[in-house]
Amino acid sequence: MTLRLELANADNMSTKRAPNYLESIPLGGLSAVLVVNVTHPIDFWKTSRQVDPRFSLLGSIRSEGTGAVFKGIQAAWCREAAYTSFKLGAYGPLRNAIGGNESFVLKMVAGGITGGFGSILGNPFDLLKTRLMTTTHATAGPRGMIAIAKDLHHHQGVAGFFNGLQANISRAVALNAVKMSTYDTVKGKIEEVTGLQRKDVRCQFMSTFVAGFMMAICITPFDFLRTILMNQPADKKVYRGMTHAALTMVRSGGPLTLYRGFFMIWARFIPMTTLQLMTYERLLAFFGFQPL
């Protein structure tokens, strides 16, 4: 009976094909846009704490209402549609194209390339999201995504939307290289050791948990630097770039300053990575494609 089930599963897998870029990228974006509605409040908490270590989530809710935790959600939708659609959706086709199915290094290369390119597409919306999250009733200046975008363009032109790009690319390359290669490799190891197939929800859940922890360790400094660079006032630049920002923060607060928000990043990555990847896997299955 077991042998027949294994052969049936193998036959079923053989009838499915891997999606191409045009099929996979929209599914990656759809999964991310759906999941961000769940994880956005954690992102709001993390970003606000990185900008102001004294920030109180309860205080923000008391002063601005429960809707405060969803500030910037419109920009977050746009960011996921631009950034995550590519970093997640293009990973599988690129990995297959460069022959990375059996190589951890090539999986990291595929993840790094798709993450870096996706971050360029998403940087303007990432910046607007950061600004919107840190805007309060007491904050002077424009409010709302369109108003903030117009003010930024007035003072800095199109280049203003790419503030923090260096840190954002560094963060995205490290994040996606670690995320996708760890998830992909751990799935294979779990299948090898336990017999659980790659499409099994239990296999996917355990893999995303490990990937989320590794991501938090690797990208927290880049995430912190990206936040403070993107949160600079529209009419002036406090930091000349990522290196200057890093040196300034280390001089003022020590090396651990770069890990401000680590636990909140980890707390966000666990549900985000799990829901995002598992939603993406369900969409692949629904449309008749092979699992990642």
C-alpha atoms as a PDB file:
ATOM      1  CA  MET A   1       0.000   0.000   0.000  1.00  0.00           C
ATOM      2  CA  THR A   2       2.794   2.433   0.951  1.00  0.00           C
ATOM      3  CA  LEU A   3       4.664   1.689  -2.274  1.00  0.00           C
ATOM      4  CA  ARG A   4       1.525   2.328  -4.352  1.00  0.00           C
ATOM      5  CA  LEU A   5       0.956   5.673  -2.600  1.00  0.00           C
ATOM      6  CA  GLU A   6       4.555   6.733  -3.202  1.00  0.00           C
ATOM      7  CA  LEU A   7       4.316   5.786  -6.881  1.00  0.00           C
ATOM      8  CA  ALA A   8       1.004   7.637  -7.185  1.00  0.00           C
ATOM      9  CA  ASN A   9       2.537  10.744  -5.629  1.00  0.00           C
ATOM     10  CA  ALA A  10       5.538  10.521  -7.938  1.00  0.00           C
ATOM     11  CA  ASP A  11       3.252  10.218 -10.976  1.00  0.00           C
ATOM     12  CA  ASN A  12       1.203  13.175  -9.769  1.00  0.00           C
ATOM     13  CA  MET A  13       4.338  15.313  -9.379  1.00  0.00           C
ATOM     14  CA  SER A  14       5.582  14.328 -12.828  1.00  0.00           C
ATOM     15  CA  THR A  15       2.382  15.662 -14.428  1.00  0.00           C
ATOM     16  CA  LYS A  16       2.964  19.091 -12.948  1.00  0.00           C
ATOM     17  CA  ARG A  17       5.458  21.584 -14.300  1.00  0.00           C
ATOM     18  CA  ALA A  18       7.369  24.463 -12.766  1.00  0.00           C
ATOM     19  CA  PRO A  19       5.816  27.877 -13.492  1.00  0.00           C
ATOM     20  CA  ASN A  20       7.643  30.359 -15.719  1.00  0.00           C
ATOM     21  CA  TYR A  21       8.373  33.975 -14.770  1.00  0.00           C
ATOM     22  CA  LEU A  22       5.068  35.350 -16.099  1.00  0.00           C
ATOM     23  CA  GLU A  23       3.123  32.727 -14.149  1.00  0.00           C
ATOM     24  CA  SER A  24       5.136  32.734 -10.936  1.00  0.00           C
ATOM     25  CA  ILE A  25       5.687  36.476 -10.357  1.00  0.00           C
ATOM     26  CA  PRO A  26       1.956  37.418 -10.149  1.00  0.00           C
ATOM     27  CA  LEU A  27       1.350  34.522  -7.727  1.00  0.00           C
ATOM     28  CA  GLY A  28       4.237  35.697  -5.543  1.00  0.00           C
ATOM     29  CA  GLY A  29       2.817  39.218  -5.509  1.00  0.00           C
ATOM     30  CA  LEU A  30      -0.712  38.036  -4.723  1.00  0.00           C
ATOM     31  CA  SER A  31       0.451  35.946  -1.769  1.00  0.00           C
ATOM     32  CA  ALA A  32       2.432  38.907  -0.375  1.00  0.00           C
ATOM     33  CA  VAL A  33      -0.417  41.428  -0.752  1.00  0.00           C
ATOM     34  CA  LEU A  34      -2.770  39.060   1.095  1.00  0.00           C
ATOM     35  CA  VAL A  35      -0.327  38.308   3.917  1.00  0.00           C
ATOM     36  CA  VAL A  36       0.775  41.914   4.554  1.00  0.00           C
ATOM     37  CA  ASN A  37      -2.700  42.666   5.921  1.00  0.00           C
ATOM     38  CA  VAL A  38      -1.912  40.303   8.801  1.00  0.00           C
ATOM     39  CA  THR A  39       1.722  41.275   9.452  1.00  0.00           C
ATOM     40  CA  HIS A  40       1.523  45.067   8.920  1.00  0.00           C
ATOM     41  CA  PRO A  41       0.820  45.932  12.592  1.00  0.00           C
ATOM     42  CA  ILE A  42       4.044  44.166  13.626  1.00  0.00           C
ATOM     43  CA  ASP A  43       5.938  46.058  10.912  1.00  0.00           C
ATOM     44  CA  PHE A  44       4.452  49.336  12.193  1.00  0.00           C
ATOM     45  CA  TRP A  45       5.594  48.530  15.740  1.00  0.00           C
ATOM     46  CA  LYS A  46       9.085  47.545  14.585  1.00  0.00           C
ATOM     47  CA  THR A  47       9.594  50.605  12.361  1.00  0.00           C
ATOM     48  CA  SER A  48       8.331  53.026  15.023  1.00  0.00           C
ATOM     49  CA  ARG A  49      10.666  51.521  17.630  1.00  0.00           C
ATOM     50  CA  GLN A  50      13.647  51.752  15.289  1.00  0.00           C
ATOM     51  CA  VAL A  51      12.985  55.466  14.755  1.00  0.00           C
ATOM     52  CA  ASP A  52      12.188  56.161  18.430  1.00  0.00           C
ATOM     53  CA  PRO A  53      13.285  53.628  21.077  1.00  0.00           C
ATOM     54  CA  ARG A  54      10.798  55.257  23.503  1.00  0.00           C
ATOM     55  CA  PHE A  55       7.850  54.479  21.213  1.00  0.00           C
ATOM     56  CA  SER A  56       4.882  52.838  22.946  1.00  0.00           C
ATOM     57  CA  LEU A  57       2.453  50.781  20.889  1.00  0.00           C
ATOM     58  CA  LEU A  58      -0.293  51.144  23.506  1.00  0.00           C
ATOM     59  CA  GLY A  59       0.366  54.882  23.706  1.00  0.00           C
ATOM     60  CA  SER A  60       0.020  55.180  19.942  1.00  0.00           C
ATOM     61  CA  ILE A  61      -3.282  53.294  19.983  1.00  0.00           C
ATOM     62  CA  ARG A  62      -4.601  55.437  22.833  1.00  0.00           C
ATOM     63  CA  SER A  63      -3.753  58.687  21.059  1.00  0.00           C
ATOM     64  CA  GLU A  64      -4.603  57.733  17.476  1.00  0.00           C
ATOM     65  CA  GLY A  65      -6.990  54.802  17.767  1.00  0.00           C
ATOM     66  CA  THR A  66      -6.607  51.174  16.722  1.00  0.00           C
ATOM     67  CA  GLY A  67      -6.279  52.241  13.081  1.00  0.00           C
ATOM     68  CA  ALA A  68      -2.796  53.562  13.911  1.00  0.00           C
ATOM     69  CA  VAL A  69      -1.325  50.066  13.495  1.00  0.00           C
ATOM     70  CA  PHE A  70      -2.405  50.107   9.842  1.00  0.00           C
ATOM     71  CA  LYS A  71      -0.779  53.412   8.948  1.00  0.00           C
ATOM     72  CA  GLY A  72       0.958  53.037   5.598  1.00  0.00           C
ATOM     73  CA  ILE A  73      -0.996  49.954   4.532  1.00  0.00           C
ATOM     74  CA  GLN A  74      -1.708  51.439   1.069  1.00  0.00           C
ATOM     75  CA  ALA A  75       2.014  51.899   0.450  1.00  0.00           C
ATOM     76  CA  ALA A  76       2.616  48.406   1.878  1.00  0.00           C
ATOM     77  CA  TRP A  77       0.238  46.899  -0.712  1.00  0.00           C
ATOM     78  CA  CYS A  78       2.092  48.705  -3.497  1.00  0.00           C
ATOM     79  CA  ARG A  79       5.448  47.682  -2.041  1.00  0.00           C
ATOM     80  CA  GLU A  80       4.523  43.998  -1.869  1.00  0.00           C
ATOM     81  CA  ALA A  81       3.090  44.073  -5.402  1.00  0.00           C
ATOM     82  CA  ALA A  82       6.340  45.578  -6.733  1.00  0.00           C
ATOM     83  CA  TYR A  83       9.004  44.068  -4.452  1.00  0.00           C
ATOM     84  CA  THR A  84       7.831  40.692  -3.187  1.00  0.00           C
ATOM     85  CA  SER A  85       6.180  39.687  -6.450  1.00  0.00           C
ATOM     86  CA  PHE A  86       9.660  39.647  -7.987  1.00  0.00           C
ATOM     87  CA  LYS A  87      11.805  38.456  -5.061  1.00  0.00           C
ATOM     88  CA  LEU A  88       9.467  35.534  -4.346  1.00  0.00           C
ATOM     89  CA  GLY A  89       7.929  34.831  -7.740  1.00  0.00           C
ATOM     90  CA  ALA A  90      11.104  35.043  -9.821  1.00  0.00           C
ATOM     91  CA  TYR A  91      13.188  32.899  -7.449  1.00  0.00           C
ATOM     92  CA  GLY A  92      11.979  29.478  -8.626  1.00  0.00           C
ATOM     93  CA  PRO A  93      12.334  30.118 -12.380  1.00  0.00           C
ATOM     94  CA  LEU A  94      15.779  31.713 -11.892  1.00  0.00           C
ATOM     95  CA  ARG A  95      16.965  28.892  -9.621  1.00  0.00           C
ATOM     96  CA  ASN A  96      15.916  26.367 -12.256  1.00  0.00           C
ATOM     97  CA  ALA A  97      17.539  28.412 -15.050  1.00  0.00           C
ATOM     98  CA  ILE A  98      20.956  28.480 -13.348  1.00  0.00           C
ATOM     99  CA  GLY A  99      20.780  24.843 -12.248  1.00  0.00           C
ATOM    100  CA  GLY A 100      20.474  25.581  -8.549  1.00  0.00           C
ATOM    101  CA  ASN A 101      18.176  22.736  -7.544  1.00  0.00           C
ATOM    102  CA  GLU A 102      20.991  20.836  -5.808  1.00  0.00           C
ATOM    103  CA  SER A 103      23.326  23.702  -4.864  1.00  0.00           C
ATOM    104  CA  PHE A 104      22.870  25.802  -1.716  1.00  0.00           C
ATOM    105  CA  VAL A 105      25.231  28.467  -3.092  1.00  0.00           C
ATOM    106  CA  LEU A 106      23.288  28.794  -6.353  1.00  0.00           C
ATOM    107  CA  LYS A 107      20.051  29.009  -4.365  1.00  0.00           C
ATOM    108  CA  MET A 108      21.571  31.913  -2.438  1.00  0.00           C
ATOM    109  CA  VAL A 109      22.638  33.525  -5.720  1.00  0.00           C
ATOM    110  CA  ALA A 110      19.118  33.218  -7.137  1.00  0.00           C
ATOM    111  CA  GLY A 111      17.593  34.595  -3.944  1.00  0.00           C
ATOM    112  CA  GLY A 112      20.080  37.463  -3.791  1.00  0.00           C
ATOM    113  CA  ILE A 113      19.511  38.507  -7.409  1.00  0.00           C
ATOM    114  CA  THR A 114      15.720  38.443  -7.211  1.00  0.00           C
ATOM    115  CA  GLY A 115      15.738  40.189  -3.829  1.00  0.00           C
ATOM    116  CA  GLY A 116      18.108  42.939  -4.987  1.00  0.00           C
ATOM    117  CA  PHE A 117      16.196  43.662  -8.185  1.00  0.00           C
ATOM    118  CA  GLY A 118      12.861  43.563  -6.369  1.00  0.00           C
ATOM    119  CA  SER A 119      14.087  46.090  -3.803  1.00  0.00           C
ATOM    120  CA  ILE A 120      14.819  48.609  -6.584  1.00  0.00           C
ATOM    121  CA  LEU A 121      11.234  48.268  -7.841  1.00  0.00           C
ATOM    122  CA  GLY A 122       9.797  48.581  -4.349  1.00  0.00           C
ATOM    123  CA  ASN A 123      12.057  51.296  -2.886  1.00  0.00           C
ATOM    124  CA  PRO A 124       9.709  54.271  -3.545  1.00  0.00           C
ATOM    125  CA  PHE A 125       6.810  52.504  -1.831  1.00  0.00           C
ATOM    126  CA  ASP A 126       9.082  51.271   0.973  1.00  0.00           C
ATOM    127  CA  LEU A 127      10.096  54.868   1.648  1.00  0.00           C
ATOM    128  CA  LEU A 128       6.497  56.122   1.591  1.00  0.00           C
ATOM    129  CA  LYS A 129       5.455  53.295   3.919  1.00  0.00           C
ATOM    130  CA  THR A 130       8.177  54.225   6.401  1.00  0.00           C
ATOM    131  CA  ARG A 131       7.185  57.909   6.323  1.00  0.00           C
ATOM    132  CA  LEU A 132       3.504  57.094   6.781  1.00  0.00           C
ATOM    133  CA  MET A 133       4.190  54.784   9.715  1.00  0.00           C
ATOM    134  CA  THR A 134       6.141  57.441  11.595  1.00  0.00           C
ATOM    135  CA  THR A 135       3.661  60.274  10.929  1.00  0.00           C
ATOM    136  CA  THR A 136       1.478  61.174  13.931  1.00  0.00           C
ATOM    137  CA  HIS A 137      -1.190  63.752  14.677  1.00  0.00           C
ATOM    138  CA  ALA A 138       1.523  65.881  16.270  1.00  0.00           C
ATOM    139  CA  THR A 139       3.907  65.604  13.308  1.00  0.00           C
ATOM    140  CA  ALA A 140       4.305  68.753  11.257  1.00  0.00           C
ATOM    141  CA  GLY A 141       4.285  68.466   7.477  1.00  0.00           C
ATOM    142  CA  PRO A 142       2.251  66.581   4.877  1.00  0.00           C
ATOM    143  CA  ARG A 143       0.170  63.531   5.723  1.00  0.00           C
ATOM    144  CA  GLY A 144      -1.171  60.815   3.440  1.00  0.00           C
ATOM    145  CA  MET A 145       0.708  58.882   0.777  1.00  0.00           C
ATOM    146  CA  ILE A 146       0.013  61.295  -2.109  1.00  0.00           C
ATOM    147  CA  ALA A 147       0.812  64.394  -0.032  1.00  0.00           C
ATOM    148  CA  ILE A 148       4.085  62.919   1.251  1.00  0.00           C
ATOM    149  CA  ALA A 149       5.048  61.831  -2.273  1.00  0.00           C
ATOM    150  CA  LYS A 150       4.369  65.347  -3.660  1.00  0.00           C
ATOM    151  CA  ASP A 151       6.370  66.989  -0.862  1.00  0.00           C
ATOM    152  CA  LEU A 152       9.312  64.631  -1.364  1.00  0.00           C
ATOM    153  CA  HIS A 153       9.283  65.196  -5.128  1.00  0.00           C
ATOM    154  CA  HIS A 154       9.123  68.977  -4.590  1.00  0.00           C
ATOM    155  CA  HIS A 155      12.240  68.992  -2.385  1.00  0.00           C
ATOM    156  CA  GLN A 156      14.341  66.186  -3.885  1.00  0.00           C
ATOM    157  CA  GLY A 157      12.854  65.241  -7.243  1.00  0.00           C
ATOM    158  CA  VAL A 158      12.623  61.630  -8.434  1.00  0.00           C
ATOM    159  CA  ALA A 159      15.917  60.815  -6.692  1.00  0.00           C
ATOM    160  CA  GLY A 160      14.224  61.429  -3.348  1.00  0.00           C
ATOM    161  CA  PHE A 161      12.176  58.266  -3.776  1.00  0.00           C
ATOM    162  CA  PHE A 162      15.389  56.256  -3.791  1.00  0.00           C
ATOM    163  CA  ASN A 163      16.741  57.459  -0.446  1.00  0.00           C
ATOM    164  CA  GLY A 164      18.086  54.455   1.434  1.00  0.00           C
ATOM    165  CA  LEU A 165      18.386  52.428  -1.775  1.00  0.00           C
ATOM    166  CA  GLN A 166      21.877  51.154  -0.940  1.00  0.00           C
ATOM    167  CA  ALA A 167      20.731  49.868   2.457  1.00  0.00           C
ATOM    168  CA  ASN A 168      17.518  48.529   0.954  1.00  0.00           C
ATOM    169  CA  ILE A 169      19.348  46.568  -1.746  1.00  0.00           C
ATOM    170  CA  SER A 170      21.835  45.221   0.819  1.00  0.00           C
ATOM    171  CA  ARG A 171      18.965  44.213   3.084  1.00  0.00           C
ATOM    172  CA  ALA A 172      16.990  42.604   0.260  1.00  0.00           C
ATOM    173  CA  VAL A 173      19.959  40.671  -1.143  1.00  0.00           C
ATOM    174  CA  ALA A 174      20.864  39.296   2.294  1.00  0.00           C
ATOM    175  CA  LEU A 175      17.228  38.651   3.242  1.00  0.00           C
ATOM    176  CA  ASN A 176      16.140  36.851   0.121  1.00  0.00           C
ATOM    177  CA  ALA A 177      19.389  34.925  -0.296  1.00  0.00           C
ATOM    178  CA  VAL A 178      19.053  33.564   3.248  1.00  0.00           C
ATOM    179  CA  LYS A 179      15.263  33.181   3.155  1.00  0.00           C
ATOM    180  CA  MET A 180      14.880  31.311  -0.094  1.00  0.00           C
ATOM    181  CA  SER A 181      18.038  29.184   0.105  1.00  0.00           C
ATOM    182  CA  THR A 182      17.326  28.180   3.732  1.00  0.00           C
ATOM    183  CA  TYR A 183      13.668  27.417   3.060  1.00  0.00           C
ATOM    184  CA  ASP A 184      14.455  25.503  -0.130  1.00  0.00           C
ATOM    185  CA  THR A 185      17.312  23.510   1.419  1.00  0.00           C
ATOM    186  CA  VAL A 186      15.588  22.730   4.727  1.00  0.00           C
ATOM    187  CA  LYS A 187      12.564  21.420   2.810  1.00  0.00           C
ATOM    188  CA  GLY A 188      14.848  19.003   1.005  1.00  0.00           C
ATOM    189  CA  LYS A 189      16.504  17.885   4.249  1.00  0.00           C
ATOM    190  CA  ILE A 190      13.149  17.352   5.973  1.00  0.00           C
ATOM    191  CA  GLU A 191      11.941  15.305   3.011  1.00  0.00           C
ATOM    192  CA  GLU A 192      15.150  13.290   3.123  1.00  0.00           C
ATOM    193  CA  VAL A 193      15.065  12.619   6.876  1.00  0.00           C
ATOM    194  CA  THR A 194      11.338  12.309   7.624  1.00  0.00           C
ATOM    195  CA  GLY A 195       9.833  11.303   4.289  1.00  0.00           C
ATOM    196  CA  LEU A 196       7.470  14.298   4.327  1.00  0.00           C
ATOM    197  CA  GLN A 197       7.080  15.583   0.770  1.00  0.00           C
ATOM    198  CA  ARG A 198       7.953  19.153  -0.230  1.00  0.00           C
ATOM    199  CA  LYS A 199       4.271  19.897  -0.803  1.00  0.00           C
ATOM    200  CA  ASP A 200       3.344  18.695   2.705  1.00  0.00           C
ATOM    201  CA  VAL A 201       2.139  21.568   4.935  1.00  0.00           C
ATOM    202  CA  ARG A 202       4.147  20.220   7.896  1.00  0.00           C
ATOM    203  CA  CYS A 203       7.350  20.232   5.851  1.00  0.00           C
ATOM    204  CA  GLN A 204       6.680  23.770   4.639  1.00  0.00           C
ATOM    205  CA  PHE A 205       5.836  25.051   8.141  1.00  0.00           C
ATOM    206  CA  MET A 206       9.043  23.702   9.723  1.00  0.00           C
ATOM    207  CA  SER A 207      11.114  25.109   6.858  1.00  0.00           C
ATOM    208  CA  THR A 208       9.616  28.602   7.143  1.00  0.00           C
ATOM    209  CA  PHE A 209      10.255  28.683  10.912  1.00  0.00           C
ATOM    210  CA  VAL A 210      13.977  28.011  10.410  1.00  0.00           C
ATOM    211  CA  ALA A 211      14.168  30.489   7.516  1.00  0.00           C
ATOM    212  CA  GLY A 212      12.527  33.265   9.581  1.00  0.00           C
ATOM    213  CA  PHE A 213      15.068  32.939  12.402  1.00  0.00           C
ATOM    214  CA  MET A 214      18.054  32.976  10.048  1.00  0.00           C
ATOM    215  CA  MET A 215      16.652  36.011   8.225  1.00  0.00           C
ATOM    216  CA  ALA A 216      16.298  38.039  11.430  1.00  0.00           C
ATOM    217  CA  ILE A 217      19.922  37.392  12.409  1.00  0.00           C
ATOM    218  CA  CYS A 218      21.300  38.390   9.018  1.00  0.00           C
ATOM    219  CA  ILE A 219      19.304  41.442   8.038  1.00  0.00           C
ATOM    220  CA  THR A 220      18.482  43.387  11.231  1.00  0.00           C
ATOM    221  CA  PRO A 221      21.400  45.864  10.791  1.00  0.00           C
ATOM    222  CA  PHE A 222      20.422  46.528   7.159  1.00  0.00           C
ATOM    223  CA  ASP A 223      16.777  46.879   8.151  1.00  0.00           C
ATOM    224  CA  PHE A 224      17.610  49.391  10.888  1.00  0.00           C
ATOM    225  CA  LEU A 225      19.826  51.483   8.605  1.00  0.00           C
ATOM    226  CA  ARG A 226      17.213  51.441   5.860  1.00  0.00           C
ATOM    227  CA  THR A 227      14.588  52.740   8.290  1.00  0.00           C
ATOM    228  CA  ILE A 228      16.616  55.683   9.582  1.00  0.00           C
ATOM    229  CA  LEU A 229      17.772  56.627   6.062  1.00  0.00           C
ATOM    230  CA  MET A 230      14.226  56.552   4.696  1.00  0.00           C
ATOM    231  CA  ASN A 231      12.880  58.524   7.654  1.00  0.00           C
ATOM    232  CA  GLN A 232      15.096  61.564   7.043  1.00  0.00           C
ATOM    233  CA  PRO A 233      13.202  64.871   6.548  1.00  0.00           C
ATOM    234  CA  ALA A 234      12.256  65.658   2.944  1.00  0.00           C
ATOM    235  CA  ASP A 235      14.009  69.067   3.058  1.00  0.00           C
ATOM    236  CA  LYS A 236      17.412  67.858   4.320  1.00  0.00           C
ATOM    237  CA  LYS A 237      19.679  64.823   4.588  1.00  0.00           C
ATOM    238  CA  VAL A 238      20.983  63.861   8.020  1.00  0.00           C
ATOM    239  CA  TYR A 239      23.127  60.984   6.721  1.00  0.00           C
ATOM    240  CA  ARG A 240      25.282  60.942   3.594  1.00  0.00           C
ATOM    241  CA  GLY A 241      24.638  57.241   2.997  1.00  0.00           C
ATOM    242  CA  MET A 242      24.522  53.806   4.581  1.00  0.00           C
ATOM    243  CA  THR A 243      28.144  53.796   5.784  1.00  0.00           C
ATOM    244  CA  HIS A 244      27.836  57.265   7.330  1.00  0.00           C
ATOM    245  CA  ALA A 245      24.574  56.274   9.028  1.00  0.00           C
ATOM    246  CA  ALA A 246      26.110  53.069  10.395  1.00  0.00           C
ATOM    247  CA  LEU A 247      29.194  54.828  11.760  1.00  0.00           C
ATOM    248  CA  THR A 248      27.072  57.589  13.307  1.00  0.00           C
ATOM    249  CA  MET A 249      24.777  55.120  15.073  1.00  0.00           C
ATOM    250  CA  VAL A 250      27.649  52.924  16.316  1.00  0.00           C
ATOM    251  CA  ARG A 251      29.509  55.964  17.674  1.00  0.00           C
ATOM    252  CA  SER A 252      26.438  57.196  19.536  1.00  0.00           C
ATOM    253  CA  GLY A 253      25.091  53.895  20.855  1.00  0.00           C
ATOM    254  CA  GLY A 254      27.604  51.109  20.219  1.00  0.00           C
ATOM    255  CA  PRO A 255      27.478  48.165  17.773  1.00  0.00           C
ATOM    256  CA  LEU A 256      24.317  46.679  19.304  1.00  0.00           C
ATOM    257  CA  THR A 257      22.423  49.787  18.183  1.00  0.00           C
ATOM    258  CA  LEU A 258      22.373  48.222  14.724  1.00  0.00           C
ATOM    259  CA  TYR A 259      20.301  45.375  16.174  1.00  0.00           C
ATOM    260  CA  ARG A 260      17.578  47.675  17.479  1.00  0.00           C
ATOM    261  CA  GLY A 261      14.272  45.980  16.744  1.00  0.00           C
ATOM    262  CA  PHE A 262      15.726  42.458  16.380  1.00  0.00           C
ATOM    263  CA  PHE A 263      13.017  40.673  18.365  1.00  0.00           C
ATOM    264  CA  MET A 264      10.255  42.594  16.614  1.00  0.00           C
ATOM    265  CA  ILE A 265      11.818  41.738  13.249  1.00  0.00           C
ATOM    266  CA  TRP A 266      11.935  38.073  14.257  1.00  0.00           C
ATOM    267  CA  ALA A 267       8.360  38.295  15.579  1.00  0.00           C
ATOM    268  CA  ARG A 268       7.325  39.699  12.194  1.00  0.00           C
ATOM    269  CA  PHE A 269       9.368  37.269  10.097  1.00  0.00           C
ATOM    270  CA  ILE A 270       7.963  34.106  11.680  1.00  0.00           C
ATOM    271  CA  PRO A 271       4.310  34.743  10.703  1.00  0.00           C
ATOM    272  CA  MET A 272       5.237  36.689   7.562  1.00  0.00           C
ATOM    273  CA  THR A 273       7.583  34.037   6.184  1.00  0.00           C
ATOM    274  CA  THR A 274       5.268  31.201   7.160  1.00  0.00           C
ATOM    275  CA  LEU A 275       2.086  32.748   5.756  1.00  0.00           C
ATOM    276  CA  GLN A 276       3.767  34.204   2.667  1.00  0.00           C
ATOM    277  CA  LEU A 277       5.546  31.047   1.554  1.00  0.00           C
ATOM    278  CA  MET A 278       2.703  28.709   2.461  1.00  0.00           C
ATOM    279  CA  THR A 279       0.162  30.937   0.667  1.00  0.00           C
ATOM    280  CA  TYR A 280       2.449  30.996  -2.360  1.00  0.00           C
ATOM    281  CA  GLU A 281       2.761  27.204  -2.231  1.00  0.00           C
ATOM    282  CA  ARG A 282      -1.044  26.853  -2.023  1.00  0.00           C
ATOM    283  CA  LEU A 283      -1.463  29.140  -5.042  1.00  0.00           C
ATOM    284  CA  LEU A 284       1.082  27.087  -7.001  1.00  0.00           C
ATOM    285  CA  ALA A 285      -0.834  23.912  -6.140  1.00  0.00           C
ATOM    286  CA  PHE A 286      -4.194  25.510  -6.960  1.00  0.00           C
ATOM    287  CA  PHE A 287      -3.020  26.466 -10.449  1.00  0.00           C
ATOM    288  CA  GLY A 288      -1.472  23.050 -11.027  1.00  0.00           C
ATOM    289  CA  PHE A 289       2.228  23.911 -10.688  1.00  0.00           C
ATOM    290  CA  GLN A 290       5.028  22.068  -8.895  1.00  0.00           C
ATOM    291  CA  PRO A 291       5.820  23.167  -5.307  1.00  0.00           C
ATOM    292  CA  LEU A 292       8.852  25.401  -4.818  1.00  0.00           C
END
